[in-house]
Structure formats: structure tokens, C-alpha cells
Amino acid sequence: MSKKGTTTGEEFEDFLKFAMKYRPQKRRVKSKPKERTCFTPSEVRDILKQNNLTDESLYKRLLGMGESSDNAKVLVQRILHPTEKDLELEQSVKEKDLYLD
């Protein structure tokens, strides 16, 4: 197994030199682009009710998605506690088919 003229210790030292210099290349994983799903505020409200989630859980999720604190508070208010104006706006957007399918 060993080459002529080299001892086992020398082979081991050569291997250690190789192991110290070896830099494996990371395989590039091709990722599929994520499709964004859009929900209406009423659909989000229904999902939260079905899963027994609170206002705070929606707020934390919005913060996790990168929304600012103030914007997240407004979104929670409009989604979970909509005014008549918010409901009318949602209905008009639905009628015009502006939400993505």
C-alpha cells in the first residue's frame, strides 16, 4: 500500500498536509422562486379564527415579515377590527377583481 521509500508516518503527514489545505466547494442548491399568495382581509380573519390565533400573533407575524411596528398595528386593526369604510373598500376591490388569484 505504501509507496517505496516512504514510511507510514510520512504518508500520514502527507495526508494531514492535504487535509489542512483541502477546501471543499459547496454545492449550489437551485431554489424555486416562491409564489406569493395574496389573501383578502376577510380571508385572513377567517384563517386566524379557524386556528384560534390572537391579534398579537398576527402582529408578531407581520413584524417577522418585515413590516414596521406602526404599519403592523394599522394592518392588525384593519384586518381584525375593520370599520365600515374598510369593509366597503374590500368589497369594491373584490368586485373589480384586483386581488390576485
PDB file of N, CA and C in Angstrom:
ATOM      1  N   MET A   1       0.789  -1.184   0.000  1.00  0.00           N
ATOM      2  CA  MET A   1       0.000   0.000   0.000  1.00  0.00           C
ATOM      3  C   MET A   1       0.844   1.266   0.000  1.00  0.00           C
ATOM      4  N   SER A   2       1.903   1.255   0.779  1.00  0.00           N
ATOM      5  CA  SER A   2       2.734   2.450   0.799  1.00  0.00           C
ATOM      6  C   SER A   2       3.700   2.434  -0.389  1.00  0.00           C
ATOM      7  N   LYS A   3       4.052   3.640  -0.805  1.00  0.00           N
ATOM      8  CA  LYS A   3       4.999   3.772  -1.909  1.00  0.00           C
ATOM      9  C   LYS A   3       6.381   3.349  -1.423  1.00  0.00           C
ATOM     10  N   LYS A   4       7.213   2.930  -2.352  1.00  0.00           N
ATOM     11  CA  LYS A   4       8.567   2.534  -1.968  1.00  0.00           C
ATOM     12  C   LYS A   4       9.312   3.752  -1.439  1.00  0.00           C
ATOM     13  N   GLY A   5       9.955   3.572  -0.362  1.00  0.00           N
ATOM     14  CA  GLY A   5      10.790   4.620   0.197  1.00  0.00           C
ATOM     15  C   GLY A   5      10.059   5.546   1.154  1.00  0.00           C
ATOM     16  N   THR A   6       8.759   5.397   1.337  1.00  0.00           N
ATOM     17  CA  THR A   6       8.039   6.241   2.300  1.00  0.00           C
ATOM     18  C   THR A   6       7.490   5.364   3.414  1.00  0.00           C
ATOM     19  N   THR A   7       7.534   5.892   4.591  1.00  0.00           N
ATOM     20  CA  THR A   7       7.013   5.150   5.738  1.00  0.00           C
ATOM     21  C   THR A   7       5.560   5.514   5.969  1.00  0.00           C
ATOM     22  N   THR A   8       4.948   4.784   6.825  1.00  0.00           N
ATOM     23  CA  THR A   8       3.551   5.048   7.157  1.00  0.00           C
ATOM     24  C   THR A   8       3.405   6.440   7.782  1.00  0.00           C
ATOM     25  N   GLY A   9       4.353   6.819   8.608  1.00  0.00           N
ATOM     26  CA  GLY A   9       4.319   8.138   9.233  1.00  0.00           C
ATOM     27  C   GLY A   9       4.405   9.255   8.211  1.00  0.00           C
ATOM     28  N   GLU A  10       5.242   9.076   7.191  1.00  0.00           N
ATOM     29  CA  GLU A  10       5.368  10.100   6.144  1.00  0.00           C
ATOM     30  C   GLU A  10       4.077  10.201   5.330  1.00  0.00           C
ATOM     31  N   GLU A  11       3.475   9.045   5.044  1.00  0.00           N
ATOM     32  CA  GLU A  11       2.203   9.060   4.312  1.00  0.00           C
ATOM     33  C   GLU A  11       1.135   9.796   5.119  1.00  0.00           C
ATOM     34  N   PHE A  12       1.141   9.555   6.436  1.00  0.00           N
ATOM     35  CA  PHE A  12       0.178  10.211   7.304  1.00  0.00           C
ATOM     36  C   PHE A  12       0.410  11.719   7.320  1.00  0.00           C
ATOM     37  N   GLU A  13       1.662  12.146   7.374  1.00  0.00           N
ATOM     38  CA  GLU A  13       1.978  13.575   7.338  1.00  0.00           C
ATOM     39  C   GLU A  13       1.541  14.197   6.017  1.00  0.00           C
ATOM     40  N   ASP A  14       1.748  13.481   4.915  1.00  0.00           N
ATOM     41  CA  ASP A  14       1.292  13.980   3.612  1.00  0.00           C
ATOM     42  C   ASP A  14      -0.224  14.122   3.587  1.00  0.00           C
ATOM     43  N   PHE A  15      -0.895  13.146   4.159  1.00  0.00           N
ATOM     44  CA  PHE A  15      -2.360  13.217   4.213  1.00  0.00           C
ATOM     45  C   PHE A  15      -2.823  14.399   5.047  1.00  0.00           C
ATOM     46  N   LEU A  16      -2.179  14.643   6.178  1.00  0.00           N
ATOM     47  CA  LEU A  16      -2.549  15.771   7.030  1.00  0.00           C
ATOM     48  C   LEU A  16      -2.335  17.098   6.308  1.00  0.00           C
ATOM     49  N   LYS A  17      -1.242  17.210   5.552  1.00  0.00           N
ATOM     50  CA  LYS A  17      -0.999  18.431   4.771  1.00  0.00           C
ATOM     51  C   LYS A  17      -2.126  18.647   3.766  1.00  0.00           C
ATOM     52  N   PHE A  18      -2.504  17.551   3.100  1.00  0.00           N
ATOM     53  CA  PHE A  18      -3.601  17.634   2.141  1.00  0.00           C
ATOM     54  C   PHE A  18      -4.903  18.036   2.842  1.00  0.00           C
ATOM     55  N   ALA A  19      -5.177  17.420   3.981  1.00  0.00           N
ATOM     56  CA  ALA A  19      -6.428  17.687   4.695  1.00  0.00           C
ATOM     57  C   ALA A  19      -6.494  19.140   5.170  1.00  0.00           C
ATOM     58  N   MET A  20      -5.361  19.709   5.557  1.00  0.00           N
ATOM     59  CA  MET A  20      -5.338  21.098   6.030  1.00  0.00           C
ATOM     60  C   MET A  20      -5.579  22.076   4.885  1.00  0.00           C
ATOM     61  N   LYS A  21      -5.120  21.731   3.681  1.00  0.00           N
ATOM     62  CA  LYS A  21      -5.251  22.632   2.538  1.00  0.00           C
ATOM     63  C   LYS A  21      -6.572  22.450   1.788  1.00  0.00           C
ATOM     64  N   TYR A  22      -7.204  21.285   1.978  1.00  0.00           N
ATOM     65  CA  TYR A  22      -8.403  20.953   1.200  1.00  0.00           C
ATOM     66  C   TYR A  22      -9.564  21.861   1.562  1.00  0.00           C
ATOM     67  N   ARG A  23     -10.161  22.470   0.568  1.00  0.00           N
ATOM     68  CA  ARG A  23     -11.328  23.338   0.751  1.00  0.00           C
ATOM     69  C   ARG A  23     -12.453  22.815  -0.146  1.00  0.00           C
ATOM     70  N   PRO A  24     -13.371  22.069   0.430  1.00  0.00           N
ATOM     71  CA  PRO A  24     -14.453  21.545  -0.410  1.00  0.00           C
ATOM     72  C   PRO A  24     -15.347  22.670  -0.909  1.00  0.00           C
ATOM     73  N   GLN A  25     -15.807  22.537  -2.135  1.00  0.00           N
ATOM     74  CA  GLN A  25     -16.710  23.542  -2.695  1.00  0.00           C
ATOM     75  C   GLN A  25     -18.133  23.170  -2.333  1.00  0.00           C
ATOM     76  N   LYS A  26     -18.871  24.170  -1.883  1.00  0.00           N
ATOM     77  CA  LYS A  26     -20.261  23.931  -1.529  1.00  0.00           C
ATOM     78  C   LYS A  26     -21.082  23.794  -2.799  1.00  0.00           C
ATOM     79  N   ARG A  27     -21.974  22.836  -2.778  1.00  0.00           N
ATOM     80  CA  ARG A  27     -22.857  22.660  -3.920  1.00  0.00           C
ATOM     81  C   ARG A  27     -23.915  23.737  -3.891  1.00  0.00           C
ATOM     82  N   ARG A  28     -24.170  24.285  -5.030  1.00  0.00           N
ATOM     83  CA  ARG A  28     -25.207  25.309  -5.125  1.00  0.00           C
ATOM     84  C   ARG A  28     -26.555  24.632  -5.307  1.00  0.00           C
ATOM     85  N   VAL A  29     -27.436  24.956  -4.411  1.00  0.00           N
ATOM     86  CA  VAL A  29     -28.773  24.385  -4.468  1.00  0.00           C
ATOM     87  C   VAL A  29     -29.669  25.353  -5.225  1.00  0.00           C
ATOM     88  N   LYS A  30     -30.265  24.860  -6.288  1.00  0.00           N
ATOM     89  CA  LYS A  30     -31.166  25.705  -7.056  1.00  0.00           C
ATOM     90  C   LYS A  30     -32.503  25.753  -6.336  1.00  0.00           C
ATOM     91  N   SER A  31     -32.915  26.937  -6.006  1.00  0.00           N
ATOM     92  CA  SER A  31     -34.192  27.065  -5.318  1.00  0.00           C
ATOM     93  C   SER A  31     -35.241  27.619  -6.274  1.00  0.00           C
ATOM     94  N   LYS A  32     -36.420  27.118  -6.099  1.00  0.00           N
ATOM     95  CA  LYS A  32     -37.525  27.595  -6.919  1.00  0.00           C
ATOM     96  C   LYS A  32     -37.995  28.925  -6.356  1.00  0.00           C
ATOM     97  N   PRO A  33     -38.360  29.848  -7.217  1.00  0.00           N
ATOM     98  CA  PRO A  33     -38.879  31.106  -6.692  1.00  0.00           C
ATOM     99  C   PRO A  33     -40.198  30.866  -5.963  1.00  0.00           C
ATOM    100  N   LYS A  34     -40.331  31.478  -4.812  1.00  0.00           N
ATOM    101  CA  LYS A  34     -41.538  31.289  -4.017  1.00  0.00           C
ATOM    102  C   LYS A  34     -42.689  32.086  -4.623  1.00  0.00           C
ATOM    103  N   GLU A  35     -43.823  31.435  -4.682  1.00  0.00           N
ATOM    104  CA  GLU A  35     -45.016  32.118  -5.168  1.00  0.00           C
ATOM    105  C   GLU A  35     -45.692  32.796  -3.980  1.00  0.00           C
ATOM    106  N   ARG A  36     -46.042  34.031  -4.155  1.00  0.00           N
ATOM    107  CA  ARG A  36     -46.725  34.748  -3.093  1.00  0.00           C
ATOM    108  C   ARG A  36     -48.217  34.547  -3.249  1.00  0.00           C
ATOM    109  N   THR A  37     -48.852  34.198  -2.185  1.00  0.00           N
ATOM    110  CA  THR A  37     -50.285  34.038  -2.171  1.00  0.00           C
ATOM    111  C   THR A  37     -50.879  35.267  -1.512  1.00  0.00           C
ATOM    112  N   CYS A  38     -51.844  35.846  -2.157  1.00  0.00           N
ATOM    113  CA  CYS A  38     -52.488  37.037  -1.616  1.00  0.00           C
ATOM    114  C   CYS A  38     -53.857  36.662  -1.066  1.00  0.00           C
ATOM    115  N   PHE A  39     -54.147  37.126   0.116  1.00  0.00           N
ATOM    116  CA  PHE A  39     -55.428  36.886   0.752  1.00  0.00           C
ATOM    117  C   PHE A  39     -56.122  38.214   1.008  1.00  0.00           C
ATOM    118  N   THR A  40     -57.425  38.184   0.953  1.00  0.00           N
ATOM    119  CA  THR A  40     -58.195  39.373   1.317  1.00  0.00           C
ATOM    120  C   THR A  40     -58.197  39.474   2.838  1.00  0.00           C
ATOM    121  N   PRO A  41     -58.465  40.654   3.373  1.00  0.00           N
ATOM    122  CA  PRO A  41     -58.517  40.778   4.834  1.00  0.00           C
ATOM    123  C   PRO A  41     -59.538  39.834   5.477  1.00  0.00           C
ATOM    124  N   SER A  42     -60.676  39.622   4.808  1.00  0.00           N
ATOM    125  CA  SER A  42     -61.678  38.718   5.387  1.00  0.00           C
ATOM    126  C   SER A  42     -61.179  37.276   5.395  1.00  0.00           C
ATOM    127  N   GLU A  43     -60.392  36.874   4.381  1.00  0.00           N
ATOM    128  CA  GLU A  43     -59.826  35.530   4.362  1.00  0.00           C
ATOM    129  C   GLU A  43     -58.801  35.363   5.487  1.00  0.00           C
ATOM    130  N   VAL A  44     -58.003  36.384   5.714  1.00  0.00           N
ATOM    131  CA  VAL A  44     -57.024  36.348   6.808  1.00  0.00           C
ATOM    132  C   VAL A  44     -57.754  36.245   8.139  1.00  0.00           C
ATOM    133  N   ARG A  45     -58.827  37.012   8.278  1.00  0.00           N
ATOM    134  CA  ARG A  45     -59.633  36.991   9.501  1.00  0.00           C
ATOM    135  C   ARG A  45     -60.179  35.576   9.751  1.00  0.00           C
ATOM    136  N   ASP A  46     -60.695  34.936   8.701  1.00  0.00           N
ATOM    137  CA  ASP A  46     -61.241  33.579   8.828  1.00  0.00           C
ATOM    138  C   ASP A  46     -60.152  32.573   9.200  1.00  0.00           C
ATOM    139  N   ILE A  47     -58.980  32.698   8.597  1.00  0.00           N
ATOM    140  CA  ILE A  47     -57.864  31.784   8.896  1.00  0.00           C
ATOM    141  C   ILE A  47     -57.450  31.924  10.365  1.00  0.00           C
ATOM    142  N   LEU A  48     -57.380  33.158  10.839  1.00  0.00           N
ATOM    143  CA  LEU A  48     -56.987  33.388  12.233  1.00  0.00           C
ATOM    144  C   LEU A  48     -58.029  32.821  13.191  1.00  0.00           C
ATOM    145  N   LYS A  49     -59.319  32.973  12.854  1.00  0.00           N
ATOM    146  CA  LYS A  49     -60.370  32.428  13.720  1.00  0.00           C
ATOM    147  C   LYS A  49     -60.334  30.906  13.733  1.00  0.00           C
ATOM    148  N   GLN A  50     -60.108  30.286  12.572  1.00  0.00           N
ATOM    149  CA  GLN A  50     -60.068  28.826  12.492  1.00  0.00           C
ATOM    150  C   GLN A  50     -58.929  28.250  13.327  1.00  0.00           C
ATOM    151  N   ASN A  51     -57.811  28.970  13.376  1.00  0.00           N
ATOM    152  CA  ASN A  51     -56.629  28.492  14.099  1.00  0.00           C
ATOM    153  C   ASN A  51     -56.516  29.059  15.509  1.00  0.00           C
ATOM    154  N   ASN A  52     -57.554  29.763  15.943  1.00  0.00           N
ATOM    155  CA  ASN A  52     -57.589  30.365  17.288  1.00  0.00           C
ATOM    156  C   ASN A  52     -56.368  31.237  17.563  1.00  0.00           C
ATOM    157  N   LEU A  53     -55.983  32.046  16.599  1.00  0.00           N
ATOM    158  CA  LEU A  53     -54.844  32.939  16.764  1.00  0.00           C
ATOM    159  C   LEU A  53     -55.313  34.308  17.230  1.00  0.00           C
ATOM    160  N   THR A  54     -54.448  35.010  17.928  1.00  0.00           N
ATOM    161  CA  THR A  54     -54.808  36.293  18.513  1.00  0.00           C
ATOM    162  C   THR A  54     -54.287  37.448  17.672  1.00  0.00           C
ATOM    163  N   ASP A  55     -54.689  38.657  18.080  1.00  0.00           N
ATOM    164  CA  ASP A  55     -54.187  39.866  17.433  1.00  0.00           C
ATOM    165  C   ASP A  55     -52.664  39.926  17.532  1.00  0.00           C
ATOM    166  N   GLU A  56     -52.168  39.528  18.701  1.00  0.00           N
ATOM    167  CA  GLU A  56     -50.725  39.603  18.944  1.00  0.00           C
ATOM    168  C   GLU A  56     -49.951  38.669  18.010  1.00  0.00           C
ATOM    169  N   SER A  57     -50.505  37.487  17.733  1.00  0.00           N
ATOM    170  CA  SER A  57     -49.808  36.551  16.850  1.00  0.00           C
ATOM    171  C   SER A  57     -49.735  37.106  15.427  1.00  0.00           C
ATOM    172  N   LEU A  58     -50.805  37.754  14.967  1.00  0.00           N
ATOM    173  CA  LEU A  58     -50.772  38.386  13.646  1.00  0.00           C
ATOM    174  C   LEU A  58     -49.768  39.535  13.637  1.00  0.00           C
ATOM    175  N   TYR A  59     -49.745  40.308  14.697  1.00  0.00           N
ATOM    176  CA  TYR A  59     -48.815  41.434  14.816  1.00  0.00           C
ATOM    177  C   TYR A  59     -47.366  40.936  14.752  1.00  0.00           C
ATOM    178  N   LYS A  60     -47.066  39.888  15.500  1.00  0.00           N
ATOM    179  CA  LYS A  60     -45.699  39.345  15.503  1.00  0.00           C
ATOM    180  C   LYS A  60     -45.334  38.782  14.142  1.00  0.00           C
ATOM    181  N   ARG A  61     -46.296  38.157  13.468  1.00  0.00           N
ATOM    182  CA  ARG A  61     -46.035  37.603  12.128  1.00  0.00           C
ATOM    183  C   ARG A  61     -45.742  38.727  11.149  1.00  0.00           C
ATOM    184  N   LEU A  62     -46.478  39.814  11.228  1.00  0.00           N
ATOM    185  CA  LEU A  62     -46.233  40.959  10.344  1.00  0.00           C
ATOM    186  C   LEU A  62     -44.857  41.565  10.597  1.00  0.00           C
ATOM    187  N   LEU A  63     -44.473  41.638  11.868  1.00  0.00           N
ATOM    188  CA  LEU A  63     -43.129  42.140  12.188  1.00  0.00           C
ATOM    189  C   LEU A  63     -42.075  41.209  11.610  1.00  0.00           C
ATOM    190  N   GLY A  64     -42.324  39.896  11.694  1.00  0.00           N
ATOM    191  CA  GLY A  64     -41.391  38.914  11.149  1.00  0.00           C
ATOM    192  C   GLY A  64     -41.267  39.001   9.641  1.00  0.00           C
ATOM    193  N   MET A  65     -42.310  39.491   8.990  1.00  0.00           N
ATOM    194  CA  MET A  65     -42.290  39.627   7.533  1.00  0.00           C
ATOM    195  C   MET A  65     -41.630  40.935   7.105  1.00  0.00           C
ATOM    196  N   GLY A  66     -41.244  41.762   8.075  1.00  0.00           N
ATOM    197  CA  GLY A  66     -40.517  42.978   7.739  1.00  0.00           C
ATOM    198  C   GLY A  66     -41.326  44.256   7.804  1.00  0.00           C
ATOM    199  N   GLU A  67     -42.554  44.187   8.277  1.00  0.00           N
ATOM    200  CA  GLU A  67     -43.361  45.398   8.412  1.00  0.00           C
ATOM    201  C   GLU A  67     -42.854  46.213   9.599  1.00  0.00           C
ATOM    202  N   SER A  68     -43.031  47.520   9.510  1.00  0.00           N
ATOM    203  CA  SER A  68     -42.663  48.372  10.641  1.00  0.00           C
ATOM    204  C   SER A  68     -43.703  48.189  11.744  1.00  0.00           C
ATOM    205  N   SER A  69     -43.345  48.572  12.942  1.00  0.00           N
ATOM    206  CA  SER A  69     -44.229  48.403  14.090  1.00  0.00           C
ATOM    207  C   SER A  69     -45.544  49.159  13.897  1.00  0.00           C
ATOM    208  N   ASP A  70     -45.442  50.398  13.456  1.00  0.00           N
ATOM    209  CA  ASP A  70     -46.648  51.214  13.265  1.00  0.00           C
ATOM    210  C   ASP A  70     -47.540  50.654  12.166  1.00  0.00           C
ATOM    211  N   ASN A  71     -46.923  50.236  11.066  1.00  0.00           N
ATOM    212  CA  ASN A  71     -47.688  49.687   9.951  1.00  0.00           C
ATOM    213  C   ASN A  71     -48.350  48.366  10.357  1.00  0.00           C
ATOM    214  N   ALA A  72     -47.649  47.557  11.140  1.00  0.00           N
ATOM    215  CA  ALA A  72     -48.213  46.284  11.597  1.00  0.00           C
ATOM    216  C   ALA A  72     -49.432  46.525  12.480  1.00  0.00           C
ATOM    217  N   LYS A  73     -49.368  47.534  13.344  1.00  0.00           N
ATOM    218  CA  LYS A  73     -50.516  47.857  14.202  1.00  0.00           C
ATOM    219  C   LYS A  73     -51.723  48.263  13.366  1.00  0.00           C
ATOM    220  N   VAL A  74     -51.482  49.071  12.338  1.00  0.00           N
ATOM    221  CA  VAL A  74     -52.576  49.517  11.466  1.00  0.00           C
ATOM    222  C   VAL A  74     -53.179  48.329  10.724  1.00  0.00           C
ATOM    223  N   LEU A  75     -52.323  47.440  10.216  1.00  0.00           N
ATOM    224  CA  LEU A  75     -52.822  46.275   9.489  1.00  0.00           C
ATOM    225  C   LEU A  75     -53.639  45.351  10.387  1.00  0.00           C
ATOM    226  N   VAL A  76     -53.178  45.128  11.613  1.00  0.00           N
ATOM    227  CA  VAL A  76     -53.933  44.301  12.551  1.00  0.00           C
ATOM    228  C   VAL A  76     -55.297  44.925  12.812  1.00  0.00           C
ATOM    229  N   GLN A  77     -55.319  46.230  13.002  1.00  0.00           N
ATOM    230  CA  GLN A  77     -56.577  46.927  13.256  1.00  0.00           C
ATOM    231  C   GLN A  77     -57.521  46.796  12.067  1.00  0.00           C
ATOM    232  N   ARG A  78     -57.004  46.979  10.854  1.00  0.00           N
ATOM    233  CA  ARG A  78     -57.858  46.928   9.665  1.00  0.00           C
ATOM    234  C   ARG A  78     -58.315  45.518   9.324  1.00  0.00           C
ATOM    235  N   ILE A  79     -57.480  44.513   9.648  1.00  0.00           N
ATOM    236  CA  ILE A  79     -57.848  43.138   9.315  1.00  0.00           C
ATOM    237  C   ILE A  79     -58.809  42.554  10.351  1.00  0.00           C
ATOM    238  N   LEU A  80     -58.465  42.698  11.613  1.00  0.00           N
ATOM    239  CA  LEU A  80     -59.256  42.042  12.656  1.00  0.00           C
ATOM    240  C   LEU A  80     -60.392  42.893  13.216  1.00  0.00           C
ATOM    241  N   HIS A  81     -60.288  44.188  13.085  1.00  0.00           N
ATOM    242  CA  HIS A  81     -61.335  45.079  13.603  1.00  0.00           C
ATOM    243  C   HIS A  81     -61.660  46.133  12.541  1.00  0.00           C
ATOM    244  N   PRO A  82     -62.204  45.689  11.395  1.00  0.00           N
ATOM    245  CA  PRO A  82     -62.420  46.626  10.291  1.00  0.00           C
ATOM    246  C   PRO A  82     -63.583  47.580  10.559  1.00  0.00           C
ATOM    247  N   THR A  83     -63.443  48.768  10.023  1.00  0.00           N
ATOM    248  CA  THR A  83     -64.533  49.737  10.077  1.00  0.00           C
ATOM    249  C   THR A  83     -65.436  49.508   8.864  1.00  0.00           C
ATOM    250  N   GLU A  84     -66.547  50.203   8.822  1.00  0.00           N
ATOM    251  CA  GLU A  84     -67.443  50.092   7.666  1.00  0.00           C
ATOM    252  C   GLU A  84     -66.722  50.508   6.387  1.00  0.00           C
ATOM    253  N   LYS A  85     -65.897  51.533   6.502  1.00  0.00           N
ATOM    254  CA  LYS A  85     -65.146  52.022   5.347  1.00  0.00           C
ATOM    255  C   LYS A  85     -64.188  50.942   4.829  1.00  0.00           C
ATOM    256  N   ASP A  86     -63.511  50.239   5.748  1.00  0.00           N
ATOM    257  CA  ASP A  86     -62.596  49.164   5.358  1.00  0.00           C
ATOM    258  C   ASP A  86     -63.342  48.043   4.636  1.00  0.00           C
ATOM    259  N   LEU A  87     -64.519  47.682   5.151  1.00  0.00           N
ATOM    260  CA  LEU A  87     -65.307  46.621   4.529  1.00  0.00           C
ATOM    261  C   LEU A  87     -65.794  47.027   3.137  1.00  0.00           C
ATOM    262  N   GLU A  88     -66.203  48.285   2.992  1.00  0.00           N
ATOM    263  CA  GLU A  88     -66.642  48.776   1.680  1.00  0.00           C
ATOM    264  C   GLU A  88     -65.474  48.773   0.685  1.00  0.00           C
ATOM    265  N   LEU A  89     -64.317  49.180   1.139  1.00  0.00           N
ATOM    266  CA  LEU A  89     -63.138  49.196   0.279  1.00  0.00           C
ATOM    267  C   LEU A  89     -62.769  47.778  -0.160  1.00  0.00           C
ATOM    268  N   GLU A  90     -62.821  46.838   0.767  1.00  0.00           N
ATOM    269  CA  GLU A  90     -62.518  45.449   0.426  1.00  0.00           C
ATOM    270  C   GLU A  90     -63.519  44.911  -0.597  1.00  0.00           C
ATOM    271  N   GLN A  91     -64.783  45.228  -0.414  1.00  0.00           N
ATOM    272  CA  GLN A  91     -65.814  44.761  -1.341  1.00  0.00           C
ATOM    273  C   GLN A  91     -65.617  45.360  -2.729  1.00  0.00           C
ATOM    274  N   SER A  92     -65.269  46.649  -2.806  1.00  0.00           N
ATOM    275  CA  SER A  92     -65.068  47.273  -4.111  1.00  0.00           C
ATOM    276  C   SER A  92     -63.853  46.691  -4.830  1.00  0.00           C
ATOM    277  N   VAL A  93     -62.828  46.346  -4.072  1.00  0.00           N
ATOM    278  CA  VAL A  93     -61.636  45.744  -4.668  1.00  0.00           C
ATOM    279  C   VAL A  93     -61.966  44.339  -5.178  1.00  0.00           C
ATOM    280  N   LYS A  94     -62.773  43.603  -4.418  1.00  0.00           N
ATOM    281  CA  LYS A  94     -63.193  42.273  -4.861  1.00  0.00           C
ATOM    282  C   LYS A  94     -63.997  42.363  -6.152  1.00  0.00           C
ATOM    283  N   GLU A  95     -64.896  43.330  -6.213  1.00  0.00           N
ATOM    284  CA  GLU A  95     -65.744  43.481  -7.415  1.00  0.00           C
ATOM    285  C   GLU A  95     -64.915  43.821  -8.644  1.00  0.00           C
ATOM    286  N   LYS A  96     -63.891  44.604  -8.470  1.00  0.00           N
ATOM    287  CA  LYS A  96     -63.024  44.972  -9.596  1.00  0.00           C
ATOM    288  C   LYS A  96     -62.003  43.883  -9.902  1.00  0.00           C
ATOM    289  N   ASP A  97     -62.000  42.830  -9.091  1.00  0.00           N
ATOM    290  CA  ASP A  97     -61.083  41.693  -9.265  1.00  0.00           C
ATOM    291  C   ASP A  97     -59.617  42.135  -9.233  1.00  0.00           C
ATOM    292  N   LEU A  98     -59.305  42.971  -8.246  1.00  0.00           N
ATOM    293  CA  LEU A  98     -57.927  43.455  -8.117  1.00  0.00           C
ATOM    294  C   LEU A  98     -57.051  42.533  -7.266  1.00  0.00           C
ATOM    295  N   TYR A  99     -57.682  41.610  -6.526  1.00  0.00           N
ATOM    296  CA  TYR A  99     -56.890  40.643  -5.766  1.00  0.00           C
ATOM    297  C   TYR A  99     -56.383  39.595  -6.706  1.00  0.00           C
ATOM    298  N   LEU A 100     -55.192  39.097  -6.438  1.00  0.00           N
ATOM    299  CA  LEU A 100     -54.611  38.058  -7.290  1.00  0.00           C
ATOM    300  C   LEU A 100     -55.248  36.720  -6.960  1.00  0.00           C
ATOM    301  N   ASP A 101     -55.427  35.890  -7.946  1.00  0.00           N
ATOM    302  CA  ASP A 101     -55.989  34.553  -7.725  1.00  0.00           C
ATOM    303  C   ASP A 101     -54.915  33.572  -7.376  1.00  0.00           C
TER     304      ASP A 101
END
